[in-house]
Full PDB file with SEQRES, HELIX, SHEET, SSBOND, CRYST1, ORIGX, SCALE, CONECT and MASTER records, all heavy atoms in Angstrom:
SEQRES   1 A   38  MET ASP LEU LEU GLN ASP ALA ASP GLY GLU VAL VAL ALA          
SEQRES   2 A   38  LEU ILE LEU SER VAL PHE LEU ASN GLU LEU GLN ASP ARG          
SEQRES   3 A   38  ALA THR LEU ILE SER SER PRO THR ALA LEU GLN LEU              
HELIX    1 AA1 ASP A    2  GLN A    5  5                                   4    
HELIX    2 AA2 GLY A    9  LEU A   23  1                                  15    
HELIX    3 AA3 SER A   32  GLN A   37  1                                   6    
CRYST1    1.000    1.000    1.000  90.00  90.00  90.00 P 1           1          
ORIGX1      1.000000  0.000000  0.000000        0.00000                         
ORIGX2      0.000000  1.000000  0.000000        0.00000                         
ORIGX3      0.000000  0.000000  1.000000        0.00000                         
SCALE1      1.000000  0.000000  0.000000        0.00000                         
SCALE2      0.000000  1.000000  0.000000        0.00000                         
SCALE3      0.000000  0.000000  1.000000        0.00000                         
ATOM      1  N   MET A   1      -1.689 -30.871 -38.139  1.00  0.00           N  
ATOM      2  CA  MET A   1      -2.728 -30.917 -39.174  1.00  0.00           C  
ATOM      3  C   MET A   1      -4.028 -30.301 -38.666  1.00  0.00           C  
ATOM      4  O   MET A   1      -4.740 -29.632 -39.418  1.00  0.00           O  
ATOM      5  CB  MET A   1      -2.952 -32.348 -39.648  1.00  0.00           C  
ATOM      6  CG  MET A   1      -1.893 -32.788 -40.633  1.00  0.00           C  
ATOM      7  SD  MET A   1      -2.346 -34.248 -41.571  1.00  0.00           S  
ATOM      8  CE  MET A   1      -2.077 -35.530 -40.399  1.00  0.00           C  
ATOM      9  N   ASP A   2      -4.332 -30.512 -37.397  1.00  0.00           N  
ATOM     10  CA  ASP A   2      -5.530 -29.893 -36.821  1.00  0.00           C  
ATOM     11  C   ASP A   2      -5.420 -28.372 -36.819  1.00  0.00           C  
ATOM     12  O   ASP A   2      -6.408 -27.667 -37.047  1.00  0.00           O  
ATOM     13  CB  ASP A   2      -5.772 -30.398 -35.398  1.00  0.00           C  
ATOM     14  CG  ASP A   2      -6.123 -31.879 -35.353  1.00  0.00           C  
ATOM     15  OD1 ASP A   2      -6.520 -32.439 -36.401  1.00  0.00           O  
ATOM     16  OD2 ASP A   2      -5.992 -32.477 -34.268  1.00  0.00           O  
ATOM     17  N   LEU A   3      -4.219 -27.866 -36.576  1.00  0.00           N  
ATOM     18  CA  LEU A   3      -4.007 -26.419 -36.542  1.00  0.00           C  
ATOM     19  C   LEU A   3      -4.024 -25.780 -37.929  1.00  0.00           C  
ATOM     20  O   LEU A   3      -4.129 -24.557 -38.054  1.00  0.00           O  
ATOM     21  CB  LEU A   3      -2.683 -26.086 -35.849  1.00  0.00           C  
ATOM     22  CG  LEU A   3      -2.659 -26.246 -34.335  1.00  0.00           C  
ATOM     23  CD1 LEU A   3      -1.244 -26.046 -33.806  1.00  0.00           C  
ATOM     24  CD2 LEU A   3      -3.608 -25.264 -33.677  1.00  0.00           C  
ATOM     25  N   LEU A   4      -3.931 -26.594 -38.981  1.00  0.00           N  
ATOM     26  CA  LEU A   4      -3.993 -26.039 -40.335  1.00  0.00           C  
ATOM     27  C   LEU A   4      -5.346 -25.414 -40.645  1.00  0.00           C  
ATOM     28  O   LEU A   4      -5.484 -24.682 -41.612  1.00  0.00           O  
ATOM     29  CB  LEU A   4      -3.675 -27.121 -41.379  1.00  0.00           C  
ATOM     30  CG  LEU A   4      -2.201 -27.412 -41.605  1.00  0.00           C  
ATOM     31  CD1 LEU A   4      -2.035 -28.597 -42.532  1.00  0.00           C  
ATOM     32  CD2 LEU A   4      -1.473 -26.199 -42.148  1.00  0.00           C  
ATOM     33  N   GLN A   5      -6.337 -25.690 -39.827  1.00  0.00           N  
ATOM     34  CA  GLN A   5      -7.670 -25.108 -40.009  1.00  0.00           C  
ATOM     35  C   GLN A   5      -7.736 -23.681 -39.472  1.00  0.00           C  
ATOM     36  O   GLN A   5      -8.746 -23.007 -39.629  1.00  0.00           O  
ATOM     37  CB  GLN A   5      -8.726 -25.963 -39.295  1.00  0.00           C  
ATOM     38  CG  GLN A   5      -8.700 -27.429 -39.641  1.00  0.00           C  
ATOM     39  CD  GLN A   5      -8.890 -27.692 -41.119  1.00  0.00           C  
ATOM     40  OE1 GLN A   5      -9.678 -27.025 -41.776  1.00  0.00           O  
ATOM     41  NE2 GLN A   5      -8.165 -28.651 -41.642  1.00  0.00           N  
ATOM     42  N   ASP A   6      -6.678 -23.214 -38.822  1.00  0.00           N  
ATOM     43  CA  ASP A   6      -6.641 -21.879 -38.220  1.00  0.00           C  
ATOM     44  C   ASP A   6      -6.846 -20.809 -39.291  1.00  0.00           C  
ATOM     45  O   ASP A   6      -6.385 -20.944 -40.423  1.00  0.00           O  
ATOM     46  CB  ASP A   6      -5.289 -21.671 -37.523  1.00  0.00           C  
ATOM     47  CG  ASP A   6      -5.317 -20.519 -36.541  1.00  0.00           C  
ATOM     48  OD1 ASP A   6      -5.577 -19.383 -36.964  1.00  0.00           O  
ATOM     49  OD2 ASP A   6      -5.075 -20.759 -35.347  1.00  0.00           O  
ATOM     50  N   ALA A   7      -7.538 -19.763 -38.933  1.00  0.00           N  
ATOM     51  CA  ALA A   7      -7.813 -18.667 -39.871  1.00  0.00           C  
ATOM     52  C   ALA A   7      -6.600 -17.751 -40.055  1.00  0.00           C  
ATOM     53  O   ALA A   7      -6.535 -16.997 -41.022  1.00  0.00           O  
ATOM     54  CB  ALA A   7      -9.004 -17.849 -39.381  1.00  0.00           C  
ATOM     55  N   ASP A   8      -5.643 -17.814 -39.131  1.00  0.00           N  
ATOM     56  CA  ASP A   8      -4.464 -16.959 -39.182  1.00  0.00           C  
ATOM     57  C   ASP A   8      -3.480 -17.489 -40.227  1.00  0.00           C  
ATOM     58  O   ASP A   8      -2.932 -18.582 -40.088  1.00  0.00           O  
ATOM     59  CB  ASP A   8      -3.810 -16.915 -37.801  1.00  0.00           C  
ATOM     60  CG  ASP A   8      -2.653 -15.941 -37.719  1.00  0.00           C  
ATOM     61  OD1 ASP A   8      -2.271 -15.366 -38.751  1.00  0.00           O  
ATOM     62  OD2 ASP A   8      -2.132 -15.753 -36.603  1.00  0.00           O  
ATOM     63  N   GLY A   9      -3.264 -16.715 -41.283  1.00  0.00           N  
ATOM     64  CA  GLY A   9      -2.374 -17.128 -42.365  1.00  0.00           C  
ATOM     65  C   GLY A   9      -0.948 -17.350 -41.917  1.00  0.00           C  
ATOM     66  O   GLY A   9      -0.253 -18.224 -42.430  1.00  0.00           O  
ATOM     67  N   GLU A  10      -0.487 -16.553 -40.942  1.00  0.00           N  
ATOM     68  CA  GLU A  10       0.884 -16.714 -40.454  1.00  0.00           C  
ATOM     69  C   GLU A  10       1.057 -18.057 -39.746  1.00  0.00           C  
ATOM     70  O   GLU A  10       2.063 -18.741 -39.937  1.00  0.00           O  
ATOM     71  CB  GLU A  10       1.247 -15.577 -39.500  1.00  0.00           C  
ATOM     72  CG  GLU A  10       2.683 -15.642 -39.029  1.00  0.00           C  
ATOM     73  CD  GLU A  10       3.048 -14.524 -38.070  1.00  0.00           C  
ATOM     74  OE1 GLU A  10       2.278 -13.559 -37.935  1.00  0.00           O  
ATOM     75  OE2 GLU A  10       4.112 -14.639 -37.433  1.00  0.00           O  
ATOM     76  N   VAL A  11       0.072 -18.456 -38.952  1.00  0.00           N  
ATOM     77  CA  VAL A  11       0.120 -19.747 -38.260  1.00  0.00           C  
ATOM     78  C   VAL A  11       0.156 -20.885 -39.277  1.00  0.00           C  
ATOM     79  O   VAL A  11       0.960 -21.808 -39.174  1.00  0.00           O  
ATOM     80  CB  VAL A  11      -1.093 -19.901 -37.297  1.00  0.00           C  
ATOM     81  CG1 VAL A  11      -1.248 -21.317 -36.818  1.00  0.00           C  
ATOM     82  CG2 VAL A  11      -0.951 -18.955 -36.122  1.00  0.00           C  
ATOM     83  N   VAL A  12      -0.700 -20.803 -40.280  1.00  0.00           N  
ATOM     84  CA  VAL A  12      -0.759 -21.848 -41.306  1.00  0.00           C  
ATOM     85  C   VAL A  12       0.563 -21.908 -42.075  1.00  0.00           C  
ATOM     86  O   VAL A  12       1.084 -22.988 -42.338  1.00  0.00           O  
ATOM     87  CB  VAL A  12      -1.956 -21.616 -42.258  1.00  0.00           C  
ATOM     88  CG1 VAL A  12      -1.942 -22.597 -43.413  1.00  0.00           C  
ATOM     89  CG2 VAL A  12      -3.265 -21.729 -41.485  1.00  0.00           C  
ATOM     90  N   ALA A  13       1.129 -20.762 -42.424  1.00  0.00           N  
ATOM     91  CA  ALA A  13       2.402 -20.724 -43.151  1.00  0.00           C  
ATOM     92  C   ALA A  13       3.525 -21.347 -42.316  1.00  0.00           C  
ATOM     93  O   ALA A  13       4.371 -22.079 -42.847  1.00  0.00           O  
ATOM     94  CB  ALA A  13       2.759 -19.291 -43.532  1.00  0.00           C  
ATOM     95  N   LEU A  14       3.529 -21.087 -41.015  1.00  0.00           N  
ATOM     96  CA  LEU A  14       4.547 -21.681 -40.143  1.00  0.00           C  
ATOM     97  C   LEU A  14       4.401 -23.201 -40.088  1.00  0.00           C  
ATOM     98  O   LEU A  14       5.395 -23.933 -40.143  1.00  0.00           O  
ATOM     99  CB  LEU A  14       4.456 -21.085 -38.740  1.00  0.00           C  
ATOM    100  CG  LEU A  14       4.944 -19.640 -38.594  1.00  0.00           C  
ATOM    101  CD1 LEU A  14       4.530 -19.060 -37.245  1.00  0.00           C  
ATOM    102  CD2 LEU A  14       6.446 -19.560 -38.774  1.00  0.00           C  
ATOM    103  N   ILE A  15       3.178 -23.685 -40.007  1.00  0.00           N  
ATOM    104  CA  ILE A  15       2.944 -25.135 -39.972  1.00  0.00           C  
ATOM    105  C   ILE A  15       3.401 -25.774 -41.277  1.00  0.00           C  
ATOM    106  O   ILE A  15       4.062 -26.820 -41.273  1.00  0.00           O  
ATOM    107  CB  ILE A  15       1.455 -25.444 -39.704  1.00  0.00           C  
ATOM    108  CG1 ILE A  15       1.066 -24.968 -38.308  1.00  0.00           C  
ATOM    109  CG2 ILE A  15       1.177 -26.936 -39.852  1.00  0.00           C  
ATOM    110  CD1 ILE A  15      -0.428 -24.944 -38.058  1.00  0.00           C  
ATOM    111  N   LEU A  16       3.054 -25.164 -42.398  1.00  0.00           N  
ATOM    112  CA  LEU A  16       3.478 -25.692 -43.694  1.00  0.00           C  
ATOM    113  C   LEU A  16       5.003 -25.707 -43.794  1.00  0.00           C  
ATOM    114  O   LEU A  16       5.587 -26.651 -44.338  1.00  0.00           O  
ATOM    115  CB  LEU A  16       2.862 -24.863 -44.818  1.00  0.00           C  
ATOM    116  CG  LEU A  16       1.338 -24.960 -44.953  1.00  0.00           C  
ATOM    117  CD1 LEU A  16       0.834 -23.942 -45.973  1.00  0.00           C  
ATOM    118  CD2 LEU A  16       0.883 -26.361 -45.299  1.00  0.00           C  
ATOM    119  N   SER A  17       5.654 -24.692 -43.246  1.00  0.00           N  
ATOM    120  CA  SER A  17       7.121 -24.650 -43.243  1.00  0.00           C  
ATOM    121  C   SER A  17       7.711 -25.777 -42.410  1.00  0.00           C  
ATOM    122  O   SER A  17       8.724 -26.370 -42.791  1.00  0.00           O  
ATOM    123  CB  SER A  17       7.610 -23.304 -42.716  1.00  0.00           C  
ATOM    124  OG  SER A  17       7.206 -22.265 -43.561  1.00  0.00           O  
ATOM    125  N   VAL A  18       7.076 -26.084 -41.286  1.00  0.00           N  
ATOM    126  CA  VAL A  18       7.539 -27.203 -40.450  1.00  0.00           C  
ATOM    127  C   VAL A  18       7.460 -28.503 -41.247  1.00  0.00           C  
ATOM    128  O   VAL A  18       8.415 -29.290 -41.283  1.00  0.00           O  
ATOM    129  CB  VAL A  18       6.716 -27.316 -39.145  1.00  0.00           C  
ATOM    130  CG1 VAL A  18       7.009 -28.624 -38.419  1.00  0.00           C  
ATOM    131  CG2 VAL A  18       6.992 -26.140 -38.229  1.00  0.00           C  
ATOM    132  N   PHE A  19       6.323 -28.727 -41.905  1.00  0.00           N  
ATOM    133  CA  PHE A  19       6.170 -29.950 -42.705  1.00  0.00           C  
ATOM    134  C   PHE A  19       7.195 -30.009 -43.840  1.00  0.00           C  
ATOM    135  O   PHE A  19       7.790 -31.060 -44.093  1.00  0.00           O  
ATOM    136  CB  PHE A  19       4.758 -30.050 -43.282  1.00  0.00           C  
ATOM    137  CG  PHE A  19       3.729 -30.530 -42.302  1.00  0.00           C  
ATOM    138  CD1 PHE A  19       2.520 -29.860 -42.179  1.00  0.00           C  
ATOM    139  CD2 PHE A  19       3.936 -31.654 -41.515  1.00  0.00           C  
ATOM    140  CE1 PHE A  19       1.551 -30.299 -41.293  1.00  0.00           C  
ATOM    141  CE2 PHE A  19       2.982 -32.100 -40.621  1.00  0.00           C  
ATOM    142  CZ  PHE A  19       1.788 -31.429 -40.511  1.00  0.00           C  
ATOM    143  N   LEU A  20       7.409 -28.894 -44.525  1.00  0.00           N  
ATOM    144  CA  LEU A  20       8.377 -28.880 -45.621  1.00  0.00           C  
ATOM    145  C   LEU A  20       9.792 -29.140 -45.116  1.00  0.00           C  
ATOM    146  O   LEU A  20      10.544 -29.886 -45.742  1.00  0.00           O  
ATOM    147  CB  LEU A  20       8.304 -27.552 -46.373  1.00  0.00           C  
ATOM    148  CG  LEU A  20       7.112 -27.414 -47.315  1.00  0.00           C  
ATOM    149  CD1 LEU A  20       6.932 -25.970 -47.752  1.00  0.00           C  
ATOM    150  CD2 LEU A  20       7.277 -28.321 -48.519  1.00  0.00           C  
ATOM    151  N   ASN A  21      10.148 -28.531 -43.990  1.00  0.00           N  
ATOM    152  CA  ASN A  21      11.478 -28.777 -43.413  1.00  0.00           C  
ATOM    153  C   ASN A  21      11.640 -30.233 -43.026  1.00  0.00           C  
ATOM    154  O   ASN A  21      12.710 -30.821 -43.188  1.00  0.00           O  
ATOM    155  CB  ASN A  21      11.718 -27.893 -42.183  1.00  0.00           C  
ATOM    156  CG  ASN A  21      11.944 -26.452 -42.547  1.00  0.00           C  
ATOM    157  OD1 ASN A  21      12.219 -26.115 -43.689  1.00  0.00           O  
ATOM    158  ND2 ASN A  21      11.810 -25.579 -41.568  1.00  0.00           N  
ATOM    159  N   GLU A  22      10.588 -30.811 -42.505  1.00  0.00           N  
ATOM    160  CA  GLU A  22      10.641 -32.204 -42.074  1.00  0.00           C  
ATOM    161  C   GLU A  22      10.843 -33.146 -43.267  1.00  0.00           C  
ATOM    162  O   GLU A  22      11.491 -34.179 -43.147  1.00  0.00           O  
ATOM    163  CB  GLU A  22       9.349 -32.564 -41.346  1.00  0.00           C  
ATOM    164  CG  GLU A  22       9.381 -33.916 -40.711  1.00  0.00           C  
ATOM    165  CD  GLU A  22       8.070 -34.260 -40.035  1.00  0.00           C  
ATOM    166  OE1 GLU A  22       7.218 -33.379 -39.845  1.00  0.00           O  
ATOM    167  OE2 GLU A  22       7.907 -35.436 -39.717  1.00  0.00           O  
ATOM    168  N   LEU A  23      10.311 -32.772 -44.422  1.00  0.00           N  
ATOM    169  CA  LEU A  23      10.420 -33.619 -45.602  1.00  0.00           C  
ATOM    170  C   LEU A  23      11.731 -33.439 -46.356  1.00  0.00           C  
ATOM    171  O   LEU A  23      12.066 -34.256 -47.209  1.00  0.00           O  
ATOM    172  CB  LEU A  23       9.255 -33.352 -46.556  1.00  0.00           C  
ATOM    173  CG  LEU A  23       7.882 -33.768 -46.053  1.00  0.00           C  
ATOM    174  CD1 LEU A  23       6.814 -33.388 -47.063  1.00  0.00           C  
ATOM    175  CD2 LEU A  23       7.817 -35.252 -45.755  1.00  0.00           C  
ATOM    176  N   GLN A  24      12.472 -32.372 -46.057  1.00  0.00           N  
ATOM    177  CA  GLN A  24      13.750 -32.136 -46.724  1.00  0.00           C  
ATOM    178  C   GLN A  24      14.713 -33.272 -46.420  1.00  0.00           C  
ATOM    179  O   GLN A  24      14.815 -33.728 -45.291  1.00  0.00           O  
ATOM    180  CB  GLN A  24      14.381 -30.813 -46.279  1.00  0.00           C  
ATOM    181  CG  GLN A  24      13.611 -29.606 -46.667  1.00  0.00           C  
ATOM    182  CD  GLN A  24      13.566 -29.374 -48.165  1.00  0.00           C  
ATOM    183  OE1 GLN A  24      14.063 -30.143 -48.969  1.00  0.00           O  
ATOM    184  NE2 GLN A  24      12.940 -28.288 -48.551  1.00  0.00           N  
ATOM    185  N   ASP A  25      15.418 -33.708 -47.422  1.00  0.00           N  
ATOM    186  CA  ASP A  25      16.437 -34.755 -47.269  1.00  0.00           C  
ATOM    187  C   ASP A  25      15.892 -35.991 -46.567  1.00  0.00           C  
ATOM    188  O   ASP A  25      16.594 -36.634 -45.790  1.00  0.00           O  
ATOM    189  CB  ASP A  25      17.659 -34.226 -46.498  1.00  0.00           C  
ATOM    190  CG  ASP A  25      18.248 -32.997 -47.154  1.00  0.00           C  
ATOM    191  OD1 ASP A  25      18.281 -32.969 -48.394  1.00  0.00           O  
ATOM    192  OD2 ASP A  25      18.649 -32.086 -46.433  1.00  0.00           O  
ATOM    193  N   ARG A  26      14.653 -36.316 -46.822  1.00  0.00           N  
ATOM    194  CA  ARG A  26      14.041 -37.460 -46.167  1.00  0.00           C  
ATOM    195  C   ARG A  26      14.163 -38.682 -47.059  1.00  0.00           C  
ATOM    196  O   ARG A  26      13.736 -38.663 -48.210  1.00  0.00           O  
ATOM    197  CB  ARG A  26      12.575 -37.158 -45.881  1.00  0.00           C  
ATOM    198  CG  ARG A  26      11.903 -38.237 -45.092  1.00  0.00           C  
ATOM    199  CD  ARG A  26      10.534 -37.783 -44.695  1.00  0.00           C  
ATOM    200  NE  ARG A  26       9.886 -38.879 -44.006  1.00  0.00           N  
ATOM    201  CZ  ARG A  26       8.692 -38.818 -43.513  1.00  0.00           C  
ATOM    202  NH1 ARG A  26       8.002 -37.715 -43.617  1.00  0.00           N  
ATOM    203  NH2 ARG A  26       8.164 -39.846 -42.915  1.00  0.00           N  
ATOM    204  N   ALA A  27      14.724 -39.748 -46.524  1.00  0.00           N  
ATOM    205  CA  ALA A  27      14.912 -40.971 -47.299  1.00  0.00           C  
ATOM    206  C   ALA A  27      13.701 -41.900 -47.177  1.00  0.00           C  
ATOM    207  O   ALA A  27      13.435 -42.689 -48.068  1.00  0.00           O  
ATOM    208  CB  ALA A  27      16.165 -41.693 -46.823  1.00  0.00           C  
ATOM    209  N   THR A  28      12.980 -41.797 -46.080  1.00  0.00           N  
ATOM    210  CA  THR A  28      11.842 -42.686 -45.888  1.00  0.00           C  
ATOM    211  C   THR A  28      10.614 -42.154 -46.601  1.00  0.00           C  
ATOM    212  O   THR A  28      10.448 -40.959 -46.787  1.00  0.00           O  
ATOM    213  CB  THR A  28      11.508 -42.848 -44.391  1.00  0.00           C  
ATOM    214  OG1 THR A  28      11.256 -41.554 -43.842  1.00  0.00           O  
ATOM    215  CG2 THR A  28      12.631 -43.510 -43.642  1.00  0.00           C  
ATOM    216  N   LEU A  29       9.753 -43.061 -46.986  1.00  0.00           N  
ATOM    217  CA  LEU A  29       8.536 -42.699 -47.698  1.00  0.00           C  
ATOM    218  C   LEU A  29       7.402 -42.452 -46.721  1.00  0.00           C  
ATOM    219  O   LEU A  29       7.434 -42.901 -45.583  1.00  0.00           O  
ATOM    220  CB  LEU A  29       8.162 -43.813 -48.677  1.00  0.00           C  
ATOM    221  CG  LEU A  29       9.199 -44.097 -49.757  1.00  0.00           C  
ATOM    222  CD1 LEU A  29       8.800 -45.311 -50.561  1.00  0.00           C  
ATOM    223  CD2 LEU A  29       9.390 -42.895 -50.650  1.00  0.00           C  
ATOM    224  N   ILE A  30       6.378 -41.756 -47.188  1.00  0.00           N  
ATOM    225  CA  ILE A  30       5.218 -41.427 -46.359  1.00  0.00           C  
ATOM    226  C   ILE A  30       4.166 -42.500 -46.557  1.00  0.00           C  
ATOM    227  O   ILE A  30       3.908 -42.931 -47.680  1.00  0.00           O  
ATOM    228  CB  ILE A  30       4.658 -40.050 -46.746  1.00  0.00           C  
ATOM    229  CG1 ILE A  30       5.699 -38.972 -46.509  1.00  0.00           C  
ATOM    230  CG2 ILE A  30       3.390 -39.742 -45.986  1.00  0.00           C  
ATOM    231  CD1 ILE A  30       5.302 -37.613 -47.014  1.00  0.00           C  
ATOM    232  N   SER A  31       3.535 -42.903 -45.469  1.00  0.00           N  
ATOM    233  CA  SER A  31       2.482 -43.910 -45.575  1.00  0.00           C  
ATOM    234  C   SER A  31       1.264 -43.328 -46.274  1.00  0.00           C  
ATOM    235  O   SER A  31       1.007 -42.127 -46.228  1.00  0.00           O  
ATOM    236  CB  SER A  31       2.099 -44.429 -44.190  1.00  0.00           C  
ATOM    237  OG  SER A  31       1.445 -43.425 -43.462  1.00  0.00           O  
ATOM    238  N   SER A  32       0.498 -44.197 -46.886  1.00  0.00           N  
ATOM    239  CA  SER A  32      -0.680 -43.766 -47.639  1.00  0.00           C  
ATOM    240  C   SER A  32      -1.714 -43.047 -46.777  1.00  0.00           C  
ATOM    241  O   SER A  32      -2.232 -42.011 -47.186  1.00  0.00           O  
ATOM    242  CB  SER A  32      -1.303 -44.975 -48.327  1.00  0.00           C  
ATOM    243  OG  SER A  32      -2.451 -44.611 -49.007  1.00  0.00           O  
ATOM    244  N   PRO A  33      -2.048 -43.549 -45.562  1.00  0.00           N  
ATOM    245  CA  PRO A  33      -3.041 -42.827 -44.757  1.00  0.00           C  
ATOM    246  C   PRO A  33      -2.603 -41.411 -44.380  1.00  0.00           C  
ATOM    247  O   PRO A  33      -3.403 -40.479 -44.428  1.00  0.00           O  
ATOM    248  CB  PRO A  33      -3.204 -43.697 -43.506  1.00  0.00           C  
ATOM    249  CG  PRO A  33      -2.727 -45.046 -43.893  1.00  0.00           C  
ATOM    250  CD  PRO A  33      -1.688 -44.820 -44.946  1.00  0.00           C  
ATOM    251  N   THR A  34      -1.337 -41.251 -44.048  1.00  0.00           N  
ATOM    252  CA  THR A  34      -0.833 -39.923 -43.690  1.00  0.00           C  
ATOM    253  C   THR A  34      -0.858 -39.006 -44.910  1.00  0.00           C  
ATOM    254  O   THR A  34      -1.255 -37.842 -44.816  1.00  0.00           O  
ATOM    255  CB  THR A  34       0.600 -40.019 -43.138  1.00  0.00           C  
ATOM    256  OG1 THR A  34       0.601 -40.894 -42.017  1.00  0.00           O  
ATOM    257  CG2 THR A  34       1.133 -38.668 -42.726  1.00  0.00           C  
ATOM    258  N   ALA A  35      -0.435 -39.522 -46.046  1.00  0.00           N  
ATOM    259  CA  ALA A  35      -0.432 -38.715 -47.270  1.00  0.00           C  
ATOM    260  C   ALA A  35      -1.852 -38.306 -47.651  1.00  0.00           C  
ATOM    261  O   ALA A  35      -2.089 -37.161 -48.029  1.00  0.00           O  
ATOM    262  CB  ALA A  35       0.222 -39.503 -48.404  1.00  0.00           C  
ATOM    263  N   LEU A  36      -2.793 -39.230 -47.545  1.00  0.00           N  
ATOM    264  CA  LEU A  36      -4.179 -38.912 -47.884  1.00  0.00           C  
ATOM    265  C   LEU A  36      -4.743 -37.851 -46.943  1.00  0.00           C  
ATOM    266  O   LEU A  36      -5.402 -36.903 -47.379  1.00  0.00           O  
ATOM    267  CB  LEU A  36      -5.036 -40.176 -47.836  1.00  0.00           C  
ATOM    268  CG  LEU A  36      -6.491 -40.012 -48.242  1.00  0.00           C  
ATOM    269  CD1 LEU A  36      -6.596 -39.482 -49.653  1.00  0.00           C  
ATOM    270  CD2 LEU A  36      -7.230 -41.329 -48.122  1.00  0.00           C  
ATOM    271  N   GLN A  37      -4.447 -37.993 -45.661  1.00  0.00           N  
ATOM    272  CA  GLN A  37      -4.920 -37.018 -44.676  1.00  0.00           C  
ATOM    273  C   GLN A  37      -4.325 -35.636 -44.956  1.00  0.00           C  
ATOM    274  O   GLN A  37      -5.026 -34.625 -44.917  1.00  0.00           O  
ATOM    275  CB  GLN A  37      -4.543 -37.507 -43.283  1.00  0.00           C  
ATOM    276  CG  GLN A  37      -5.304 -36.876 -42.173  1.00  0.00           C  
ATOM    277  CD  GLN A  37      -4.961 -37.518 -40.829  1.00  0.00           C  
ATOM    278  OE1 GLN A  37      -4.017 -38.289 -40.699  1.00  0.00           O  
ATOM    279  NE2 GLN A  37      -5.722 -37.175 -39.824  1.00  0.00           N  
ATOM    280  N   LEU A  38      -3.036 -35.595 -45.247  1.00  0.00           N  
ATOM    281  CA  LEU A  38      -2.396 -34.313 -45.561  1.00  0.00           C  
ATOM    282  C   LEU A  38      -2.964 -33.713 -46.845  1.00  0.00           C  
ATOM    283  O   LEU A  38      -3.221 -32.509 -46.916  1.00  0.00           O  
ATOM    284  CB  LEU A  38      -0.891 -34.517 -45.717  1.00  0.00           C  
ATOM    285  CG  LEU A  38      -0.026 -34.078 -44.562  1.00  0.00           C  
ATOM    286  CD1 LEU A  38       1.411 -34.482 -44.785  1.00  0.00           C  
ATOM    287  CD2 LEU A  38      -0.132 -32.621 -44.264  1.00  0.00           C  
TER     288      LEU A  38                                                      
MASTER        0    0    0    3    0    0    0    6  287    1    0    3          
END                                                                             
């Protein structure tokens, strides 16, 4: 999340892809503080 502030669009796109992959087929829910921060 700290690296999402990077000016490089490719870096940001890779980070977003990591988060999206992590959420795929996820049965557990996200906590409110983490969701708010994201």
